[in-house]
Amino acid sequence: MSWQVTLSARAEKQVNRLPVNIKNRLYYLLAEIEQSGVVRGNWPNYGKLDNNRHHCHIRKGNPCYVAVWEVTDKKINLVEVEYVGTHEKAPY
């Protein structure tokens, strides 16, 4: 069963400021979420933040880039990415 992935308005602005290689990794992550679901244990430092929020590192190192997404509706498989950017400013 596939998932529908959307970006929040804040995340869309953040994506526009990312380096190209980080954008490519993000789009790959979003494609995996769409096809395989929200639990992405194959990505570095993946973790479940609470019942409906998840995060993982898009790129390790300095600076470290992370993505945070939330399941907004389990019945219709809807996910919203709420943050994409450096680890320092991540909303954990």
N, C-alpha and C. Protein backbone atom coordinates (compact mmCIF):
# COMPACT_ATOMS: atom_id res chain seq x y z
N MET A 1 0.84 -1.17 0.00
CA MET A 1 0.00 0.00 0.00
C MET A 1 0.89 1.24 0.00
N SER A 2 0.64 2.17 -0.89
CA SER A 2 1.49 3.35 -1.00
C SER A 2 1.02 4.46 -0.07
N TRP A 3 1.94 5.36 0.22
CA TRP A 3 1.68 6.49 1.08
C TRP A 3 1.73 7.76 0.25
N GLN A 4 0.97 8.76 0.66
CA GLN A 4 1.01 10.07 0.03
C GLN A 4 1.87 10.97 0.90
N VAL A 5 2.92 11.53 0.32
CA VAL A 5 3.85 12.37 1.06
C VAL A 5 3.71 13.81 0.60
N THR A 6 3.52 14.73 1.55
CA THR A 6 3.45 16.16 1.25
C THR A 6 4.51 16.89 2.07
N LEU A 7 4.84 18.08 1.63
CA LEU A 7 5.75 18.95 2.36
C LEU A 7 4.96 20.09 2.97
N SER A 8 5.25 20.41 4.22
CA SER A 8 4.63 21.59 4.82
C SER A 8 5.18 22.83 4.13
N ALA A 9 4.53 23.96 4.31
CA ALA A 9 5.00 25.21 3.70
C ALA A 9 6.41 25.54 4.19
N ARG A 10 6.66 25.30 5.45
CA ARG A 10 7.99 25.55 6.02
C ARG A 10 9.04 24.65 5.38
N ALA A 11 8.70 23.37 5.21
CA ALA A 11 9.64 22.41 4.62
C ALA A 11 9.92 22.75 3.16
N GLU A 12 8.92 23.22 2.42
CA GLU A 12 9.14 23.61 1.02
C GLU A 12 10.17 24.73 0.92
N LYS A 13 10.08 25.70 1.80
CA LYS A 13 11.05 26.79 1.82
C LYS A 13 12.44 26.26 2.16
N GLN A 14 12.51 25.33 3.11
CA GLN A 14 13.79 24.76 3.51
C GLN A 14 14.43 23.97 2.38
N VAL A 15 13.62 23.23 1.63
CA VAL A 15 14.14 22.43 0.52
C VAL A 15 14.80 23.33 -0.52
N ASN A 16 14.21 24.48 -0.79
CA ASN A 16 14.76 25.40 -1.78
C ASN A 16 16.15 25.91 -1.41
N ARG A 17 16.49 25.88 -0.12
CA ARG A 17 17.79 26.37 0.34
C ARG A 17 18.83 25.25 0.49
N LEU A 18 18.45 24.01 0.26
CA LEU A 18 19.38 22.89 0.44
C LEU A 18 20.34 22.76 -0.74
N PRO A 19 21.55 22.24 -0.49
CA PRO A 19 22.45 21.92 -1.60
C PRO A 19 21.83 20.82 -2.48
N VAL A 20 22.24 20.77 -3.74
CA VAL A 20 21.63 19.85 -4.71
C VAL A 20 21.77 18.40 -4.27
N ASN A 21 22.93 17.99 -3.78
CA ASN A 21 23.10 16.59 -3.38
C ASN A 21 22.20 16.21 -2.20
N ILE A 22 21.93 17.15 -1.31
CA ILE A 22 21.03 16.88 -0.18
C ILE A 22 19.59 16.80 -0.67
N LYS A 23 19.21 17.66 -1.62
CA LYS A 23 17.88 17.59 -2.22
C LYS A 23 17.65 16.23 -2.85
N ASN A 24 18.65 15.74 -3.59
CA ASN A 24 18.53 14.44 -4.24
C ASN A 24 18.33 13.32 -3.23
N ARG A 25 19.06 13.36 -2.12
CA ARG A 25 18.88 12.36 -1.07
C ARG A 25 17.49 12.46 -0.43
N LEU A 26 17.02 13.69 -0.23
CA LEU A 26 15.69 13.89 0.33
C LEU A 26 14.63 13.30 -0.58
N TYR A 27 14.72 13.58 -1.87
CA TYR A 27 13.72 13.05 -2.81
C TYR A 27 13.76 11.52 -2.85
N TYR A 28 14.94 10.95 -2.68
CA TYR A 28 15.05 9.49 -2.62
C TYR A 28 14.36 8.97 -1.35
N LEU A 29 14.56 9.65 -0.23
CA LEU A 29 13.89 9.27 1.02
C LEU A 29 12.38 9.37 0.86
N LEU A 30 11.89 10.45 0.26
CA LEU A 30 10.45 10.62 0.08
C LEU A 30 9.88 9.52 -0.81
N ALA A 31 10.61 9.13 -1.84
CA ALA A 31 10.16 8.04 -2.71
C ALA A 31 10.08 6.73 -1.94
N GLU A 32 11.06 6.48 -1.06
CA GLU A 32 11.03 5.27 -0.24
C GLU A 32 9.84 5.28 0.71
N ILE A 33 9.55 6.43 1.30
CA ILE A 33 8.40 6.53 2.20
C ILE A 33 7.11 6.25 1.44
N GLU A 34 6.99 6.81 0.24
CA GLU A 34 5.80 6.58 -0.58
C GLU A 34 5.60 5.10 -0.89
N GLN A 35 6.68 4.41 -1.21
CA GLN A 35 6.59 3.01 -1.63
C GLN A 35 6.54 2.03 -0.46
N SER A 36 7.35 2.30 0.58
CA SER A 36 7.54 1.29 1.62
C SER A 36 7.00 1.66 2.99
N GLY A 37 6.57 2.89 3.18
CA GLY A 37 6.02 3.27 4.47
C GLY A 37 6.92 4.19 5.26
N VAL A 38 6.43 4.60 6.41
CA VAL A 38 7.10 5.63 7.20
C VAL A 38 8.28 5.13 8.02
N VAL A 39 8.34 3.87 8.34
CA VAL A 39 9.44 3.33 9.14
C VAL A 39 10.61 3.08 8.20
N ARG A 40 11.68 3.86 8.35
CA ARG A 40 12.82 3.79 7.46
C ARG A 40 14.07 3.39 8.22
N GLY A 41 14.11 2.19 8.72
CA GLY A 41 15.24 1.69 9.48
C GLY A 41 16.51 1.55 8.68
N ASN A 42 16.43 1.63 7.36
CA ASN A 42 17.62 1.51 6.52
C ASN A 42 18.35 2.84 6.34
N TRP A 43 17.83 3.93 6.92
CA TRP A 43 18.49 5.23 6.86
C TRP A 43 19.24 5.48 8.16
N PRO A 44 20.38 6.23 8.10
CA PRO A 44 21.18 6.46 9.30
C PRO A 44 20.42 7.22 10.38
N ASN A 45 20.58 6.76 11.59
CA ASN A 45 20.01 7.39 12.78
C ASN A 45 18.50 7.58 12.69
N TYR A 46 17.83 6.64 12.02
CA TYR A 46 16.37 6.69 11.98
C TYR A 46 15.86 6.52 13.41
N GLY A 47 14.82 7.25 13.74
CA GLY A 47 14.21 7.09 15.05
C GLY A 47 12.77 7.56 15.06
N LYS A 48 11.99 6.92 15.89
CA LYS A 48 10.61 7.33 16.09
C LYS A 48 10.59 8.31 17.25
N LEU A 49 10.10 9.53 17.01
CA LEU A 49 10.12 10.56 18.03
C LEU A 49 8.96 10.43 19.01
N ASP A 50 7.80 10.12 18.51
CA ASP A 50 6.64 9.80 19.34
C ASP A 50 5.70 8.96 18.50
N ASN A 51 4.43 8.90 18.84
CA ASN A 51 3.51 8.00 18.14
C ASN A 51 3.47 8.20 16.63
N ASN A 52 3.47 9.43 16.17
CA ASN A 52 3.29 9.69 14.74
C ASN A 52 4.45 10.42 14.08
N ARG A 53 5.50 10.76 14.81
CA ARG A 53 6.63 11.51 14.24
C ARG A 53 7.86 10.64 14.13
N HIS A 54 8.59 10.84 13.03
CA HIS A 54 9.79 10.07 12.75
C HIS A 54 10.87 11.03 12.24
N HIS A 55 12.14 10.59 12.31
CA HIS A 55 13.22 11.39 11.73
C HIS A 55 14.36 10.47 11.31
N CYS A 56 15.22 10.97 10.44
CA CYS A 56 16.46 10.28 10.09
C CYS A 56 17.45 11.30 9.56
N HIS A 57 18.70 10.89 9.48
CA HIS A 57 19.73 11.75 8.93
C HIS A 57 19.75 11.55 7.41
N ILE A 58 19.73 12.63 6.69
CA ILE A 58 19.85 12.57 5.23
C ILE A 58 21.32 12.46 4.86
N ARG A 59 22.16 13.18 5.61
CA ARG A 59 23.60 13.08 5.43
C ARG A 59 24.26 13.26 6.78
N LYS A 60 25.15 12.33 7.10
CA LYS A 60 25.92 12.44 8.33
C LYS A 60 27.13 13.32 8.07
N GLY A 61 27.75 13.78 9.10
CA GLY A 61 28.94 14.60 8.95
C GLY A 61 28.69 16.01 9.45
N ASN A 62 29.46 16.93 8.92
CA ASN A 62 29.34 18.31 9.37
C ASN A 62 29.15 19.22 8.17
N PRO A 63 28.03 19.85 7.96
CA PRO A 63 26.83 19.78 8.79
C PRO A 63 26.02 18.52 8.51
N CYS A 64 25.34 18.08 9.52
CA CYS A 64 24.46 16.92 9.43
C CYS A 64 23.07 17.41 9.03
N TYR A 65 22.49 16.79 8.01
CA TYR A 65 21.14 17.17 7.57
C TYR A 65 20.14 16.10 7.99
N VAL A 66 18.98 16.53 8.46
CA VAL A 66 17.94 15.62 8.93
C VAL A 66 16.60 15.95 8.28
N ALA A 67 15.72 14.97 8.31
CA ALA A 67 14.33 15.17 7.89
C ALA A 67 13.44 14.68 9.02
N VAL A 68 12.35 15.41 9.27
CA VAL A 68 11.37 15.03 10.28
C VAL A 68 10.01 14.98 9.59
N TRP A 69 9.32 13.85 9.75
CA TRP A 69 8.00 13.71 9.13
C TRP A 69 7.00 13.17 10.13
N GLU A 70 5.73 13.45 9.84
CA GLU A 70 4.64 13.06 10.73
C GLU A 70 3.54 12.37 9.94
N VAL A 71 3.01 11.29 10.50
CA VAL A 71 1.86 10.62 9.92
C VAL A 71 0.64 11.42 10.31
N THR A 72 -0.03 12.02 9.33
CA THR A 72 -1.19 12.85 9.64
C THR A 72 -2.50 12.09 9.55
N ASP A 73 -2.52 11.00 8.79
CA ASP A 73 -3.75 10.19 8.70
C ASP A 73 -3.36 8.76 8.35
N LYS A 74 -3.55 7.85 9.29
CA LYS A 74 -3.18 6.45 9.09
C LYS A 74 -4.17 5.71 8.19
N LYS A 75 -5.41 6.17 8.14
CA LYS A 75 -6.42 5.47 7.35
C LYS A 75 -6.16 5.63 5.85
N ILE A 76 -5.75 6.82 5.44
CA ILE A 76 -5.50 7.03 4.02
C ILE A 76 -4.00 7.13 3.72
N ASN A 77 -3.17 6.79 4.68
CA ASN A 77 -1.71 6.77 4.52
C ASN A 77 -1.16 8.12 4.06
N LEU A 78 -1.34 9.13 4.88
CA LEU A 78 -0.89 10.48 4.57
C LEU A 78 0.24 10.88 5.50
N VAL A 79 1.35 11.37 4.91
CA VAL A 79 2.53 11.78 5.67
C VAL A 79 2.88 13.20 5.27
N GLU A 80 3.26 14.02 6.27
CA GLU A 80 3.71 15.37 5.97
C GLU A 80 5.13 15.56 6.52
N VAL A 81 6.03 16.00 5.65
CA VAL A 81 7.39 16.34 6.07
C VAL A 81 7.32 17.73 6.67
N GLU A 82 7.75 17.85 7.92
CA GLU A 82 7.63 19.15 8.59
C GLU A 82 8.95 19.88 8.75
N TYR A 83 10.09 19.19 8.58
CA TYR A 83 11.38 19.87 8.70
C TYR A 83 12.42 19.16 7.85
N VAL A 84 13.22 19.94 7.16
CA VAL A 84 14.38 19.43 6.43
C VAL A 84 15.48 20.47 6.59
N GLY A 85 16.59 20.07 7.16
CA GLY A 85 17.68 21.03 7.35
C GLY A 85 18.75 20.47 8.25
N THR A 86 19.53 21.37 8.82
CA THR A 86 20.64 20.95 9.66
C THR A 86 20.15 20.41 10.99
N HIS A 87 20.96 19.59 11.57
CA HIS A 87 20.63 18.91 12.82
C HIS A 87 20.44 19.90 13.98
N GLU A 88 21.20 20.99 13.95
CA GLU A 88 21.16 21.95 15.06
C GLU A 88 19.79 22.59 15.26
N LYS A 89 19.03 22.78 14.17
CA LYS A 89 17.77 23.48 14.25
C LYS A 89 16.57 22.52 14.20
N ALA A 90 16.81 21.23 14.25
CA ALA A 90 15.73 20.24 14.12
C ALA A 90 14.77 20.32 15.31
N PRO A 91 13.48 20.20 15.05
CA PRO A 91 12.47 20.31 16.11
C PRO A 91 12.23 18.98 16.83
N TYR A 92 13.16 18.55 17.62
CA TYR A 92 12.99 17.28 18.36
C TYR A 92 12.23 17.54 19.62
